[in-house]
Amino acid sequence: MGLLSIDSKLANTPFFQQNMKHCIPSYHPLILSTVFSILGIAFCIFGPILMSQSKSLLYFKTKHENDQTESISVSLKIDPNKPLALYYQVPDFYQNIRSYVQSFNLTQLASDSFTKIALDESCSSTSAAKAVNYPCGLIYKTRVDKDQYTIKINSKPVSMTADIIRKSDIKQNNFFGKAFKQLPNWQRTADWMRPGPFKDIQKTFSAASKDELKQLNVDFKNNVTVDFTMSGKHDYSPFRNVILAQAGIFGNKNETQALGIISLAFGVVCIACVLLYFGAFVASKTMETQAEKKVRGWKLTEMKVTRTEPKENRQ
């Protein structure tokens, strides 16, 4: 017996009788060749454009050791029409471990007062007297909060703001309550509390808008001198990578370049499929022509045999 009884109301519906309306795809080589030609040409054009755009995007990376105040000066090409972002990268720091990802309390983060939730450092319930007045869990405890970075362009200090969460990011605005938003640099902490999937954690430290860059009154037509000052310490990593970058429509330089390479590779694969299907079409037509010739030859031979008269009738 099937899944449904015989007297079921659904047994005679088109779905169970396999009478639903459907389309039958056409795998004709010319149709597939046309589709893959359009895709291949589009992606072969789109890929190099992205790779060319990635070359114009700013991406500078340097190393910051723990407990050291370092100053470096570099010559960089900065586009004043794009925001300038400063990132820090913690290498070999795995945030994707299940126990680490779950080490927070959602109710506490969304509350108006941390102490009212009455949790200890490990997010376990405790008395009001022992309740912590800050977010519990490993994610908050392992945050990068002691680093300080300053930037000067042609000896002019850049006003880098810690307001790094977009106003359109409704999830971030609703996820954290009044108590969390009263923490120092809460947006930087909120960005850290979004666990990353890879071993090298990259987070935003600060940013400068294009309006702030234009207010510096610096000639950006040529390379400018950028002075970095880095200080601070992180108890869970010996060093951090500091990245100064500008993003395009499809992300930073590395992301844009990778997307361009993938697009170009996909375009080449599509062109190869075009040649494959076109070759199959030519081969099939050649085989059909040869078969038709053989059939025509057989028919002619048969007609000659049937039309051949006996010798006695030829007189």
Protein backbone atom coordinates (compact mmCIF):
# COMPACT_ATOMS: atom_id res chain seq x y z
CA MET A 1 0.00 0.00 0.00
CA GLY A 2 1.21 3.48 -0.79
CA LEU A 3 1.65 6.42 1.51
CA LEU A 4 -1.98 7.44 1.03
CA SER A 5 -5.04 5.30 1.42
CA ILE A 6 -7.28 4.63 -1.56
CA ASP A 7 -10.10 6.78 -0.25
CA SER A 8 -7.81 9.74 0.45
CA LYS A 9 -8.90 13.06 -1.00
CA LEU A 10 -5.38 13.67 -2.30
CA ALA A 11 -4.95 10.35 -4.05
CA ASN A 12 -6.59 11.48 -7.32
CA THR A 13 -5.07 14.95 -7.49
CA PRO A 14 -2.80 15.82 -10.45
CA PHE A 15 0.25 15.85 -8.18
CA PHE A 16 -0.09 12.20 -7.16
CA GLN A 17 -1.21 11.14 -10.64
CA GLN A 18 1.83 12.88 -12.19
CA ASN A 19 -0.38 15.03 -14.39
CA MET A 20 0.90 18.39 -13.22
CA LYS A 21 1.69 20.99 -15.85
CA HIS A 22 5.38 21.15 -16.51
CA CYS A 23 7.88 22.26 -19.10
CA ILE A 24 10.22 19.99 -21.00
CA PRO A 25 13.66 21.61 -21.37
CA SER A 26 15.23 21.66 -24.81
CA TYR A 27 18.80 20.44 -24.95
CA HIS A 28 19.37 21.30 -28.60
CA PRO A 29 23.08 22.08 -29.11
CA LEU A 30 22.39 25.36 -30.93
CA ILE A 31 20.17 26.63 -28.10
CA LEU A 32 22.75 25.68 -25.46
CA SER A 33 25.53 27.20 -27.56
CA THR A 34 23.64 30.47 -27.80
CA VAL A 35 23.02 30.61 -24.04
CA PHE A 36 26.61 29.79 -23.15
CA SER A 37 27.89 32.25 -25.77
CA ILE A 38 25.98 35.10 -24.13
CA LEU A 39 27.17 34.09 -20.66
CA GLY A 40 30.74 33.51 -21.77
CA ILE A 41 31.10 36.85 -23.57
CA ALA A 42 29.46 38.73 -20.67
CA PHE A 43 31.66 37.18 -17.98
CA CYS A 44 34.82 37.41 -20.10
CA ILE A 45 34.19 41.18 -20.33
CA PHE A 46 33.00 41.57 -16.73
CA GLY A 47 35.97 39.69 -15.22
CA PRO A 48 38.80 41.85 -16.63
CA ILE A 49 36.85 45.02 -15.76
CA LEU A 50 36.71 43.93 -12.10
CA MET A 51 40.39 42.95 -12.13
CA SER A 52 41.26 46.36 -13.55
CA GLN A 53 39.14 48.15 -10.93
CA SER A 54 40.79 46.20 -8.12
CA LYS A 55 44.16 47.67 -9.09
CA SER A 56 42.88 51.19 -8.37
CA LEU A 57 41.60 50.31 -4.88
CA LEU A 58 43.75 51.14 -1.87
CA TYR A 59 44.94 48.21 0.23
CA PHE A 60 47.86 48.59 2.63
CA LYS A 61 48.73 46.06 5.32
CA THR A 62 51.24 46.32 8.15
CA LYS A 63 52.05 44.42 11.34
CA HIS A 64 51.50 45.66 14.90
CA GLU A 65 53.31 43.85 17.72
CA ASN A 66 51.95 43.68 21.26
CA ASP A 67 53.07 46.25 23.86
CA GLN A 68 54.86 48.34 21.26
CA THR A 69 54.23 51.84 20.01
CA GLU A 70 55.13 51.86 16.34
CA SER A 71 55.12 54.66 13.80
CA ILE A 72 55.50 54.14 10.08
CA SER A 73 55.27 56.44 7.09
CA VAL A 74 54.26 55.25 3.62
CA SER A 75 53.35 56.80 0.28
CA LEU A 76 49.90 55.71 -0.89
CA LYS A 77 47.40 56.58 -3.60
CA ILE A 78 44.07 57.53 -1.96
CA ASP A 79 40.83 58.24 -3.78
CA PRO A 80 39.02 61.13 -2.01
CA ASN A 81 35.71 60.04 -3.53
CA LYS A 82 35.64 56.81 -1.52
CA PRO A 83 35.46 56.26 2.26
CA LEU A 84 38.66 55.25 4.02
CA ALA A 85 38.46 52.31 6.42
CA LEU A 86 40.91 51.02 9.01
CA TYR A 87 40.74 47.31 9.83
CA TYR A 88 42.53 45.11 12.32
CA GLN A 89 43.15 41.43 11.68
CA VAL A 90 43.77 38.86 14.41
CA PRO A 91 45.58 35.86 12.85
CA ASP A 92 45.00 32.27 13.95
CA PHE A 93 42.05 33.22 16.14
CA TYR A 94 39.17 30.82 15.61
CA GLN A 95 35.78 32.34 16.37
CA ASN A 96 33.86 29.52 14.71
CA ILE A 97 34.13 27.05 17.62
CA ARG A 98 30.65 26.10 18.84
CA SER A 99 31.32 26.75 22.52
CA TYR A 100 32.79 30.16 21.68
CA VAL A 101 29.95 31.19 19.37
CA GLN A 102 27.37 30.29 22.01
CA SER A 103 29.21 32.10 24.82
CA PHE A 104 26.84 35.06 25.26
CA ASN A 105 23.36 35.79 26.56
CA LEU A 106 20.93 37.34 24.12
CA THR A 107 18.59 38.62 26.82
CA GLN A 108 21.44 40.38 28.58
CA LEU A 109 22.70 42.03 25.39
CA ALA A 110 19.24 43.41 24.60
CA SER A 111 18.50 44.58 28.16
CA ASP A 112 18.53 48.08 29.60
CA SER A 113 20.66 46.99 32.56
CA PHE A 114 23.21 44.18 32.76
CA THR A 115 22.86 43.69 36.51
CA LYS A 116 19.09 43.10 36.32
CA ILE A 117 19.69 39.89 34.36
CA ALA A 118 21.94 38.61 37.20
CA LEU A 119 24.58 36.64 35.29
CA ASP A 120 28.22 35.93 36.08
CA GLU A 121 31.15 36.02 33.63
CA SER A 122 30.31 32.58 32.22
CA CYS A 123 26.65 33.58 31.59
CA SER A 124 25.38 31.44 34.45
CA SER A 125 22.66 32.67 36.79
CA THR A 126 23.88 34.22 40.02
CA SER A 127 22.77 36.61 42.74
CA ALA A 128 22.27 40.29 42.08
CA ALA A 129 25.31 41.12 44.24
CA LYS A 130 27.60 38.95 42.08
CA ALA A 131 26.09 39.92 38.72
CA VAL A 132 28.52 41.47 36.23
CA ASN A 133 27.90 44.95 34.91
CA TYR A 134 29.13 44.09 31.41
CA PRO A 135 28.31 41.44 28.77
CA CYS A 136 29.10 37.92 29.86
CA GLY A 137 30.79 35.22 27.81
CA LEU A 138 34.03 34.59 25.95
CA ILE A 139 33.19 36.68 22.90
CA TYR A 140 33.11 39.93 24.86
CA LYS A 141 36.03 38.90 27.07
CA THR A 142 38.38 38.24 24.13
CA ARG A 143 37.61 41.45 22.25
CA VAL A 144 40.30 43.83 21.02
CA ASP A 145 39.79 46.95 23.14
CA LYS A 146 43.26 48.24 24.05
CA ASP A 147 44.60 49.09 20.61
CA GLN A 148 44.90 52.68 19.45
CA TYR A 149 45.57 53.73 15.87
CA THR A 150 45.98 57.25 14.49
CA ILE A 151 46.44 58.33 10.89
CA LYS A 152 47.84 61.48 9.32
CA ILE A 153 47.76 62.34 5.64
CA ASN A 154 50.45 64.82 4.61
CA SER A 155 50.90 65.65 8.32
CA LYS A 156 47.19 66.43 8.73
CA PRO A 157 45.31 64.24 11.24
CA VAL A 158 42.38 62.29 9.83
CA SER A 159 39.20 62.22 11.88
CA MET A 160 38.51 58.48 12.01
CA THR A 161 35.15 57.71 13.63
CA ALA A 162 34.17 54.57 15.50
CA ASP A 163 30.60 54.79 14.16
CA ILE A 164 31.05 51.87 11.82
CA ILE A 165 27.57 50.29 11.87
CA ARG A 166 25.33 51.37 9.04
CA LYS A 167 21.97 52.87 9.92
CA SER A 168 20.36 50.33 7.61
CA ASP A 169 21.77 47.48 9.72
CA ILE A 170 18.51 46.87 11.57
CA LYS A 171 19.74 43.60 13.05
CA GLN A 172 22.62 45.27 14.85
CA ASN A 173 20.46 48.13 16.10
CA ASN A 174 17.81 45.78 17.51
CA PHE A 175 20.18 43.10 18.75
CA PHE A 176 21.86 45.34 21.34
CA GLY A 177 19.96 47.17 24.06
CA LYS A 178 20.43 50.42 25.92
CA ALA A 179 23.01 49.06 28.36
CA PHE A 180 25.23 47.71 25.58
CA LYS A 181 25.07 50.96 23.61
CA GLN A 182 26.40 52.84 26.64
CA LEU A 183 29.68 50.90 26.48
CA PRO A 184 32.74 52.74 25.14
CA ASN A 185 33.04 52.22 21.38
CA TRP A 186 30.04 49.89 21.46
CA GLN A 187 29.85 49.65 17.68
CA ARG A 188 33.41 48.32 17.51
CA THR A 189 32.52 45.80 20.20
CA ALA A 190 29.33 44.86 18.37
CA ASP A 191 31.33 44.18 15.22
CA TRP A 192 33.68 41.91 17.20
CA MET A 193 30.74 39.97 18.63
CA ARG A 194 29.77 38.85 15.14
CA PRO A 195 31.90 35.68 14.96
CA GLY A 196 33.91 35.25 11.78
CA PRO A 197 34.03 31.95 9.85
CA PHE A 198 37.76 31.95 9.07
CA LYS A 199 40.89 31.59 11.19
CA ASP A 200 42.05 35.17 10.54
CA ILE A 201 39.47 37.50 12.09
CA GLN A 202 39.17 40.85 10.31
CA LYS A 203 37.12 43.59 11.94
CA THR A 204 36.59 47.29 11.33
CA PHE A 205 38.35 49.63 13.74
CA SER A 206 37.33 53.03 12.39
CA ALA A 207 36.43 54.84 9.18
CA ALA A 208 36.57 58.25 7.53
CA SER A 209 33.94 59.41 5.04
CA LYS A 210 34.80 60.99 1.71
CA ASP A 211 33.61 64.35 3.05
CA GLU A 212 36.14 64.14 5.87
CA LEU A 213 38.89 63.36 3.37
CA LYS A 214 37.98 66.35 1.22
CA GLN A 215 38.04 68.64 4.26
CA LEU A 216 41.76 67.94 4.66
CA ASN A 217 42.48 70.16 1.60
CA VAL A 218 45.09 67.71 0.36
CA ASP A 219 46.04 67.18 -3.26
CA PHE A 220 45.02 63.57 -3.86
CA LYS A 221 45.97 63.58 -7.55
CA ASN A 222 49.37 62.21 -6.61
CA ASN A 223 50.50 59.87 -3.87
CA VAL A 224 50.15 61.22 -0.34
CA THR A 225 52.24 60.50 2.74
CA VAL A 226 50.34 58.47 5.33
CA ASP A 227 51.71 58.34 8.89
CA PHE A 228 50.57 55.47 11.12
CA THR A 229 50.88 55.39 14.89
CA MET A 230 49.98 52.07 16.50
CA SER A 231 49.92 51.13 20.17
CA GLY A 232 48.11 48.72 22.46
CA LYS A 233 47.89 45.08 23.47
CA HIS A 234 45.65 42.06 22.97
CA ASP A 235 45.89 39.30 25.56
CA TYR A 236 44.95 36.56 23.10
CA SER A 237 47.23 37.32 20.14
CA PRO A 238 50.91 38.30 19.87
CA PHE A 239 50.28 40.75 17.04
CA ARG A 240 47.62 42.20 14.79
CA ASN A 241 47.65 43.08 11.11
CA VAL A 242 46.49 46.65 10.50
CA ILE A 243 44.88 47.28 7.12
CA LEU A 244 44.06 50.60 5.49
CA ALA A 245 41.72 50.09 2.56
CA GLN A 246 39.09 51.61 0.31
CA ALA A 247 36.23 49.53 -1.02
CA GLY A 248 34.48 49.49 -4.37
CA ILE A 249 31.03 48.27 -5.32
CA PHE A 250 32.01 44.62 -4.84
CA GLY A 251 34.17 45.02 -1.73
CA ASN A 252 37.83 45.67 -1.02
CA LYS A 253 40.71 45.06 -3.39
CA ASN A 254 41.11 41.34 -2.67
CA GLU A 255 37.40 40.60 -2.92
CA THR A 256 37.04 42.56 -6.18
CA GLN A 257 40.08 40.85 -7.69
CA ALA A 258 38.87 37.40 -6.65
CA LEU A 259 35.42 38.06 -8.13
CA GLY A 260 37.06 39.20 -11.37
CA ILE A 261 39.16 36.03 -11.59
CA ILE A 262 36.12 33.83 -10.88
CA SER A 263 34.07 35.69 -13.50
CA LEU A 264 36.79 35.33 -16.11
CA ALA A 265 37.22 31.62 -15.33
CA PHE A 266 33.46 31.08 -15.58
CA GLY A 267 33.43 32.92 -18.91
CA VAL A 268 36.22 30.70 -20.26
CA VAL A 269 34.30 27.59 -19.14
CA CYS A 270 31.19 28.88 -20.93
CA ILE A 271 33.15 29.46 -24.13
CA ALA A 272 34.54 25.92 -23.84
CA CYS A 273 30.97 24.63 -23.49
CA VAL A 274 30.02 26.56 -26.62
CA LEU A 275 32.79 24.84 -28.58
CA LEU A 276 31.77 21.49 -27.10
CA TYR A 277 28.08 21.82 -27.97
CA PHE A 278 28.84 23.31 -31.39
CA GLY A 279 31.22 20.45 -32.08
CA ALA A 280 28.54 17.97 -30.99
CA PHE A 281 26.05 19.69 -33.29
CA VAL A 282 28.43 19.53 -36.28
CA ALA A 283 29.27 15.91 -35.51
CA SER A 284 25.59 14.97 -35.23
CA LYS A 285 24.78 16.70 -38.52
CA THR A 286 27.70 14.95 -40.20
CA MET A 287 26.50 11.60 -38.92
CA GLU A 288 22.94 12.38 -40.05
CA THR A 289 24.20 13.34 -43.52
CA GLN A 290 26.21 10.14 -43.83
CA ALA A 291 23.26 8.09 -42.63
CA GLU A 292 20.95 9.82 -45.10
CA LYS A 293 23.40 9.12 -47.93
CA LYS A 294 23.49 5.45 -47.02
CA VAL A 295 19.72 5.26 -46.78
CA ARG A 296 19.40 7.08 -50.12
CA GLY A 297 21.89 4.69 -51.66
CA TRP A 298 19.96 1.73 -50.37
CA LYS A 299 16.71 3.13 -51.75
CA LEU A 300 18.27 3.75 -55.17
CA THR A 301 19.65 0.24 -55.25
CA GLU A 302 16.27 -1.17 -54.30
CA MET A 303 14.55 0.92 -56.98
CA LYS A 304 17.00 -0.30 -59.62
CA VAL A 305 16.41 -3.89 -58.64
CA THR A 306 12.64 -3.53 -58.75
CA ARG A 307 12.76 -1.71 -62.07
CA THR A 308 14.98 -4.31 -63.72
CA GLU A 309 12.92 -6.33 -66.19
CA PRO A 310 13.45 -10.01 -67.05
CA LYS A 311 15.62 -10.78 -70.13
CA GLU A 312 12.74 -12.29 -72.07
CA ASN A 313 10.77 -9.09 -71.77
CA ARG A 314 13.59 -6.93 -73.13
CA GLN A 315 13.04 -8.34 -76.72
